[in-house]
């Protein structure tokens, strides 16, 4: 999970963390509520190229990390241009069905077929 979070941070370029908690009232009359996390975030100043970060995540042995690569590819397929095609082919043949489905989706979109 930690490697997946690190790769997600590199792919999105945003670091996020729980900055604190605040109380959210659900029923004032009966005094009920719950503690809710408040997220802090900031942009990374130095990060690898998006295609390199996606390649590194797609080559990882963990399917959780490869799933982050698949999510990042779907989000950035238009920005990657021609670099998205080899990565989509690689992910479309992944042993994990969830990852392969996203790779196939990107392949269809890049080849002009309707999603």
N, C-alpha and C. Protein backbone atom coordinates (compact mmCIF):
# COMPACT_ATOMS: atom_id res chain seq x y z
N UNK A 1 0.82 -1.20 0.00
CA UNK A 1 0.00 0.00 0.00
C UNK A 1 0.86 1.26 0.00
N UNK A 2 1.98 1.20 0.70
CA UNK A 2 2.83 2.40 0.74
C UNK A 2 3.43 2.70 -0.62
N UNK A 3 3.84 1.64 -1.33
CA UNK A 3 4.39 1.87 -2.68
C UNK A 3 3.30 2.41 -3.59
N UNK A 4 2.08 1.92 -3.44
CA UNK A 4 0.98 2.41 -4.26
C UNK A 4 0.73 3.89 -3.99
N UNK A 5 0.77 4.28 -2.73
CA UNK A 5 0.58 5.69 -2.39
C UNK A 5 1.71 6.55 -2.94
N UNK A 6 2.94 6.05 -2.87
CA UNK A 6 4.07 6.79 -3.41
C UNK A 6 3.93 6.96 -4.92
N UNK A 7 3.53 5.90 -5.62
CA UNK A 7 3.35 6.00 -7.06
C UNK A 7 2.18 6.92 -7.41
N UNK A 8 1.09 6.86 -6.65
CA UNK A 8 -0.04 7.76 -6.90
C UNK A 8 0.40 9.22 -6.75
N UNK A 9 1.23 9.49 -5.75
CA UNK A 9 1.73 10.84 -5.53
C UNK A 9 2.57 11.29 -6.72
N UNK A 10 3.44 10.43 -7.22
CA UNK A 10 4.28 10.78 -8.37
C UNK A 10 3.46 10.95 -9.65
N UNK A 11 2.46 10.12 -9.82
CA UNK A 11 1.64 10.19 -11.05
C UNK A 11 0.77 11.45 -11.05
N UNK A 12 0.13 11.74 -9.93
CA UNK A 12 -0.76 12.90 -9.89
C UNK A 12 -0.02 14.21 -9.66
N UNK A 13 1.16 14.14 -9.05
CA UNK A 13 1.90 15.36 -8.75
C UNK A 13 1.39 16.08 -7.52
N UNK A 14 0.55 15.43 -6.74
CA UNK A 14 -0.04 16.01 -5.52
C UNK A 14 0.20 15.09 -4.34
N UNK A 15 0.69 15.63 -3.27
CA UNK A 15 0.82 14.88 -2.02
C UNK A 15 -0.37 15.26 -1.14
N UNK A 16 -1.03 14.27 -0.55
CA UNK A 16 -2.19 14.51 0.31
C UNK A 16 -2.02 13.74 1.61
N UNK A 17 -2.52 14.31 2.70
CA UNK A 17 -2.41 13.69 4.01
C UNK A 17 -3.55 14.18 4.88
N UNK A 18 -3.81 13.46 5.96
CA UNK A 18 -4.82 13.89 6.92
C UNK A 18 -4.18 14.96 7.79
N UNK A 19 -4.71 16.18 7.73
CA UNK A 19 -4.12 17.32 8.42
C UNK A 19 -4.71 17.50 9.82
N UNK A 20 -5.83 16.92 10.06
CA UNK A 20 -6.49 17.04 11.36
C UNK A 20 -7.90 16.48 11.24
N UNK A 21 -8.65 16.73 12.29
CA UNK A 21 -10.03 16.24 12.31
C UNK A 21 -10.95 17.36 12.75
N UNK A 22 -12.19 17.31 12.25
CA UNK A 22 -13.20 18.26 12.69
C UNK A 22 -14.47 17.48 13.00
N UNK A 23 -15.29 18.06 13.85
CA UNK A 23 -16.52 17.41 14.26
C UNK A 23 -17.63 17.75 13.29
N UNK A 24 -18.33 16.75 12.80
CA UNK A 24 -19.45 16.92 11.90
C UNK A 24 -20.71 16.45 12.61
N UNK A 25 -21.61 17.39 12.89
CA UNK A 25 -22.87 17.03 13.55
C UNK A 25 -23.77 16.31 12.57
N UNK A 26 -24.33 15.19 12.99
CA UNK A 26 -25.30 14.47 12.17
C UNK A 26 -26.71 14.67 12.70
N UNK A 27 -26.85 14.88 14.02
CA UNK A 27 -28.16 15.11 14.64
C UNK A 27 -27.94 16.01 15.84
N UNK A 28 -28.20 17.31 15.67
CA UNK A 28 -27.98 18.28 16.75
C UNK A 28 -28.91 18.03 17.94
N UNK A 29 -30.12 17.67 17.65
CA UNK A 29 -31.10 17.51 18.70
C UNK A 29 -30.71 16.41 19.69
N UNK A 30 -30.11 15.34 19.18
CA UNK A 30 -29.72 14.24 20.04
C UNK A 30 -28.22 14.22 20.35
N UNK A 31 -27.52 15.25 19.94
CA UNK A 31 -26.10 15.36 20.24
C UNK A 31 -25.24 14.31 19.56
N UNK A 32 -25.59 13.93 18.34
CA UNK A 32 -24.82 12.91 17.63
C UNK A 32 -23.99 13.54 16.53
N UNK A 33 -22.85 12.95 16.34
CA UNK A 33 -21.97 13.43 15.27
C UNK A 33 -20.83 12.46 15.07
N UNK A 34 -19.91 12.87 14.23
CA UNK A 34 -18.75 12.01 13.97
C UNK A 34 -17.54 12.90 13.65
N UNK A 35 -16.39 12.33 13.88
CA UNK A 35 -15.15 13.00 13.56
C UNK A 35 -14.83 12.76 12.09
N UNK A 36 -14.46 13.81 11.40
CA UNK A 36 -14.20 13.71 9.97
C UNK A 36 -12.80 14.26 9.69
N UNK A 37 -12.02 13.50 8.90
CA UNK A 37 -10.66 13.92 8.57
C UNK A 37 -10.65 15.11 7.62
N UNK A 38 -9.70 16.02 7.86
CA UNK A 38 -9.49 17.17 6.99
C UNK A 38 -8.18 16.92 6.24
N UNK A 39 -8.25 16.93 4.91
CA UNK A 39 -7.07 16.64 4.12
C UNK A 39 -6.28 17.89 3.81
N UNK A 40 -4.98 17.76 3.90
CA UNK A 40 -4.06 18.80 3.45
C UNK A 40 -3.39 18.28 2.19
N UNK A 41 -2.99 19.17 1.30
CA UNK A 41 -2.32 18.73 0.08
C UNK A 41 -1.44 19.83 -0.45
N UNK A 42 -0.47 19.40 -1.23
CA UNK A 42 0.38 20.37 -1.92
C UNK A 42 0.94 19.72 -3.17
N UNK A 43 1.31 20.55 -4.12
CA UNK A 43 1.88 20.05 -5.37
C UNK A 43 3.35 19.71 -5.16
N UNK A 44 3.82 18.70 -5.87
CA UNK A 44 5.23 18.33 -5.81
C UNK A 44 6.04 19.32 -6.63
N UNK A 45 7.18 19.73 -6.10
CA UNK A 45 8.04 20.65 -6.84
C UNK A 45 8.86 19.92 -7.90
N UNK A 46 9.37 18.74 -7.55
CA UNK A 46 10.21 17.96 -8.46
C UNK A 46 9.59 16.58 -8.60
N UNK A 47 9.30 16.20 -9.81
CA UNK A 47 8.75 14.87 -10.04
C UNK A 47 9.21 14.38 -11.41
N UNK A 48 9.22 13.06 -11.60
CA UNK A 48 9.63 12.54 -12.91
C UNK A 48 8.56 12.83 -13.95
N UNK A 49 8.92 12.63 -15.20
CA UNK A 49 7.96 12.81 -16.28
C UNK A 49 6.79 11.84 -16.06
N UNK A 50 5.62 12.24 -16.47
CA UNK A 50 4.43 11.42 -16.25
C UNK A 50 4.57 10.04 -16.90
N UNK A 51 5.08 10.00 -18.11
CA UNK A 51 5.22 8.70 -18.78
C UNK A 51 6.20 7.80 -18.03
N UNK A 52 7.26 8.36 -17.47
CA UNK A 52 8.22 7.57 -16.70
C UNK A 52 7.59 7.06 -15.40
N UNK A 53 6.82 7.90 -14.73
CA UNK A 53 6.15 7.48 -13.49
C UNK A 53 5.15 6.37 -13.77
N UNK A 54 4.41 6.47 -14.88
CA UNK A 54 3.45 5.42 -15.25
C UNK A 54 4.16 4.12 -15.62
N UNK A 55 5.27 4.22 -16.35
CA UNK A 55 6.05 3.02 -16.71
C UNK A 55 6.57 2.31 -15.46
N UNK A 56 7.09 3.08 -14.52
CA UNK A 56 7.61 2.48 -13.29
C UNK A 56 6.50 1.77 -12.51
N UNK A 57 5.34 2.40 -12.42
CA UNK A 57 4.23 1.79 -11.68
C UNK A 57 3.71 0.55 -12.41
N UNK A 58 3.66 0.59 -13.74
CA UNK A 58 3.16 -0.55 -14.50
C UNK A 58 4.11 -1.74 -14.43
N UNK A 59 5.38 -1.50 -14.16
CA UNK A 59 6.36 -2.59 -14.08
C UNK A 59 6.47 -3.19 -12.68
N UNK A 60 5.76 -2.65 -11.72
CA UNK A 60 5.85 -3.13 -10.34
C UNK A 60 5.23 -4.52 -10.22
N UNK A 61 5.70 -5.29 -9.25
CA UNK A 61 5.19 -6.65 -9.07
C UNK A 61 3.83 -6.69 -8.37
N UNK A 62 3.46 -5.61 -7.69
CA UNK A 62 2.21 -5.57 -6.95
C UNK A 62 1.05 -5.12 -7.84
N UNK A 63 -0.06 -5.86 -7.84
CA UNK A 63 -1.20 -5.43 -8.63
C UNK A 63 -1.83 -4.13 -8.13
N UNK A 64 -1.65 -3.84 -6.86
CA UNK A 64 -2.18 -2.58 -6.32
C UNK A 64 -1.45 -1.40 -6.94
N UNK A 65 -0.14 -1.52 -7.11
CA UNK A 65 0.65 -0.45 -7.73
C UNK A 65 0.34 -0.37 -9.22
N UNK A 66 0.22 -1.53 -9.87
CA UNK A 66 -0.11 -1.51 -11.30
C UNK A 66 -1.50 -0.91 -11.54
N UNK A 67 -2.41 -1.09 -10.59
CA UNK A 67 -3.74 -0.47 -10.70
C UNK A 67 -3.63 1.05 -10.66
N UNK A 68 -2.69 1.58 -9.87
CA UNK A 68 -2.47 3.03 -9.87
C UNK A 68 -1.97 3.51 -11.23
N UNK A 69 -1.14 2.70 -11.88
CA UNK A 69 -0.68 3.03 -13.23
C UNK A 69 -1.85 3.04 -14.21
N UNK A 70 -2.75 2.07 -14.07
CA UNK A 70 -3.91 2.01 -14.96
C UNK A 70 -4.82 3.21 -14.74
N UNK A 71 -5.04 3.59 -13.49
CA UNK A 71 -5.86 4.78 -13.21
C UNK A 71 -5.22 6.02 -13.80
N UNK A 72 -3.91 6.16 -13.60
CA UNK A 72 -3.20 7.33 -14.13
C UNK A 72 -3.23 7.38 -15.65
N UNK A 73 -3.15 6.21 -16.29
CA UNK A 73 -3.20 6.16 -17.75
C UNK A 73 -4.57 6.60 -18.26
N UNK A 74 -5.63 6.15 -17.62
CA UNK A 74 -6.98 6.55 -18.04
C UNK A 74 -7.15 8.06 -17.88
N UNK A 75 -6.65 8.60 -16.78
CA UNK A 75 -6.80 10.04 -16.54
C UNK A 75 -5.97 10.88 -17.50
N UNK A 76 -4.80 10.39 -17.91
CA UNK A 76 -3.88 11.20 -18.69
C UNK A 76 -3.66 10.70 -20.11
N UNK A 77 -4.55 9.88 -20.64
CA UNK A 77 -4.30 9.30 -21.97
C UNK A 77 -4.24 10.37 -23.06
N UNK A 78 -5.00 11.44 -22.94
CA UNK A 78 -4.96 12.49 -23.95
C UNK A 78 -3.66 13.29 -23.85
N UNK A 79 -3.19 13.53 -22.63
CA UNK A 79 -1.97 14.31 -22.43
C UNK A 79 -0.72 13.55 -22.84
N UNK A 80 -0.76 12.23 -22.77
CA UNK A 80 0.43 11.43 -23.10
C UNK A 80 0.67 11.30 -24.60
N UNK A 81 -0.38 11.37 -25.37
CA UNK A 81 -0.23 11.25 -26.82
C UNK A 81 0.22 9.86 -27.23
N UNK A 82 1.27 9.78 -28.04
CA UNK A 82 1.72 8.49 -28.58
C UNK A 82 2.38 7.62 -27.52
N UNK A 83 2.81 8.18 -26.40
CA UNK A 83 3.43 7.39 -25.33
C UNK A 83 2.41 6.52 -24.60
N UNK A 84 1.13 6.80 -24.77
CA UNK A 84 0.10 6.04 -24.08
C UNK A 84 -0.14 4.67 -24.71
N UNK A 85 0.11 4.53 -26.00
CA UNK A 85 -0.20 3.29 -26.70
C UNK A 85 0.61 2.08 -26.20
N UNK A 86 1.95 2.17 -26.09
CA UNK A 86 2.68 0.99 -25.58
C UNK A 86 2.32 0.64 -24.15
N UNK A 87 2.06 1.64 -23.34
CA UNK A 87 1.68 1.40 -21.95
C UNK A 87 0.30 0.75 -21.88
N UNK A 88 -0.61 1.18 -22.74
CA UNK A 88 -1.95 0.59 -22.77
C UNK A 88 -1.88 -0.87 -23.22
N UNK A 89 -1.03 -1.18 -24.19
CA UNK A 89 -0.86 -2.56 -24.63
C UNK A 89 -0.31 -3.43 -23.50
N UNK A 90 0.64 -2.88 -22.77
CA UNK A 90 1.24 -3.62 -21.66
C UNK A 90 0.21 -3.91 -20.57
N UNK A 91 -0.60 -2.90 -20.23
CA UNK A 91 -1.60 -3.08 -19.19
C UNK A 91 -2.76 -3.95 -19.65
N UNK A 92 -3.06 -3.96 -20.94
CA UNK A 92 -4.16 -4.78 -21.46
C UNK A 92 -3.86 -6.27 -21.34
N UNK A 93 -2.60 -6.63 -21.23
CA UNK A 93 -2.23 -8.03 -21.09
C UNK A 93 -1.87 -8.38 -19.65
N UNK A 94 -2.22 -7.54 -18.71
CA UNK A 94 -1.91 -7.78 -17.30
C UNK A 94 -2.70 -8.98 -16.77
N UNK A 95 -2.10 -9.77 -15.86
CA UNK A 95 -2.83 -10.92 -15.31
C UNK A 95 -4.06 -10.53 -14.48
N UNK A 96 -4.05 -9.34 -13.91
CA UNK A 96 -5.20 -8.89 -13.13
C UNK A 96 -6.29 -8.38 -14.07
N UNK A 97 -7.49 -8.90 -13.92
CA UNK A 97 -8.59 -8.54 -14.82
C UNK A 97 -8.96 -7.05 -14.72
N UNK A 98 -8.90 -6.48 -13.52
CA UNK A 98 -9.26 -5.07 -13.34
C UNK A 98 -8.29 -4.16 -14.08
N UNK A 99 -7.02 -4.52 -14.07
CA UNK A 99 -6.01 -3.71 -14.75
C UNK A 99 -6.11 -3.91 -16.25
N UNK A 100 -6.28 -5.15 -16.69
CA UNK A 100 -6.39 -5.44 -18.11
C UNK A 100 -7.60 -4.75 -18.73
N UNK A 101 -8.67 -4.65 -17.98
CA UNK A 101 -9.87 -3.98 -18.49
C UNK A 101 -9.60 -2.50 -18.75
N UNK A 102 -8.87 -1.86 -17.87
CA UNK A 102 -8.54 -0.44 -18.08
C UNK A 102 -7.58 -0.26 -19.25
N UNK A 103 -6.61 -1.18 -19.38
CA UNK A 103 -5.71 -1.11 -20.52
C UNK A 103 -6.45 -1.28 -21.83
N UNK A 104 -7.40 -2.20 -21.87
CA UNK A 104 -8.21 -2.43 -23.07
C UNK A 104 -9.07 -1.21 -23.38
N UNK A 105 -9.61 -0.58 -22.35
CA UNK A 105 -10.41 0.63 -22.53
C UNK A 105 -9.59 1.72 -23.21
N UNK A 106 -8.37 1.94 -22.72
CA UNK A 106 -7.51 2.97 -23.29
C UNK A 106 -7.13 2.61 -24.73
N UNK A 107 -6.84 1.34 -24.99
CA UNK A 107 -6.53 0.91 -26.36
C UNK A 107 -7.68 1.22 -27.31
N UNK A 108 -8.89 0.91 -26.89
CA UNK A 108 -10.06 1.20 -27.75
C UNK A 108 -10.20 2.69 -28.00
N UNK A 109 -10.00 3.49 -26.95
CA UNK A 109 -10.13 4.94 -27.12
C UNK A 109 -9.05 5.51 -28.04
N UNK A 110 -7.81 5.00 -27.90
CA UNK A 110 -6.72 5.50 -28.72
C UNK A 110 -6.85 5.05 -30.18
N UNK A 111 -7.47 3.92 -30.41
CA UNK A 111 -7.63 3.42 -31.78
C UNK A 111 -8.90 3.92 -32.44
N UNK A 112 -9.65 4.76 -31.73
CA UNK A 112 -10.82 5.39 -32.34
C UNK A 112 -12.11 4.66 -32.19
N UNK A 113 -12.12 3.53 -31.52
CA UNK A 113 -13.35 2.80 -31.32
C UNK A 113 -14.15 3.46 -30.21
N UNK A 114 -15.46 3.35 -30.21
CA UNK A 114 -16.25 3.93 -29.12
C UNK A 114 -16.01 3.14 -27.83
N UNK A 115 -16.01 3.87 -26.72
CA UNK A 115 -15.80 3.24 -25.41
C UNK A 115 -17.05 2.60 -24.99
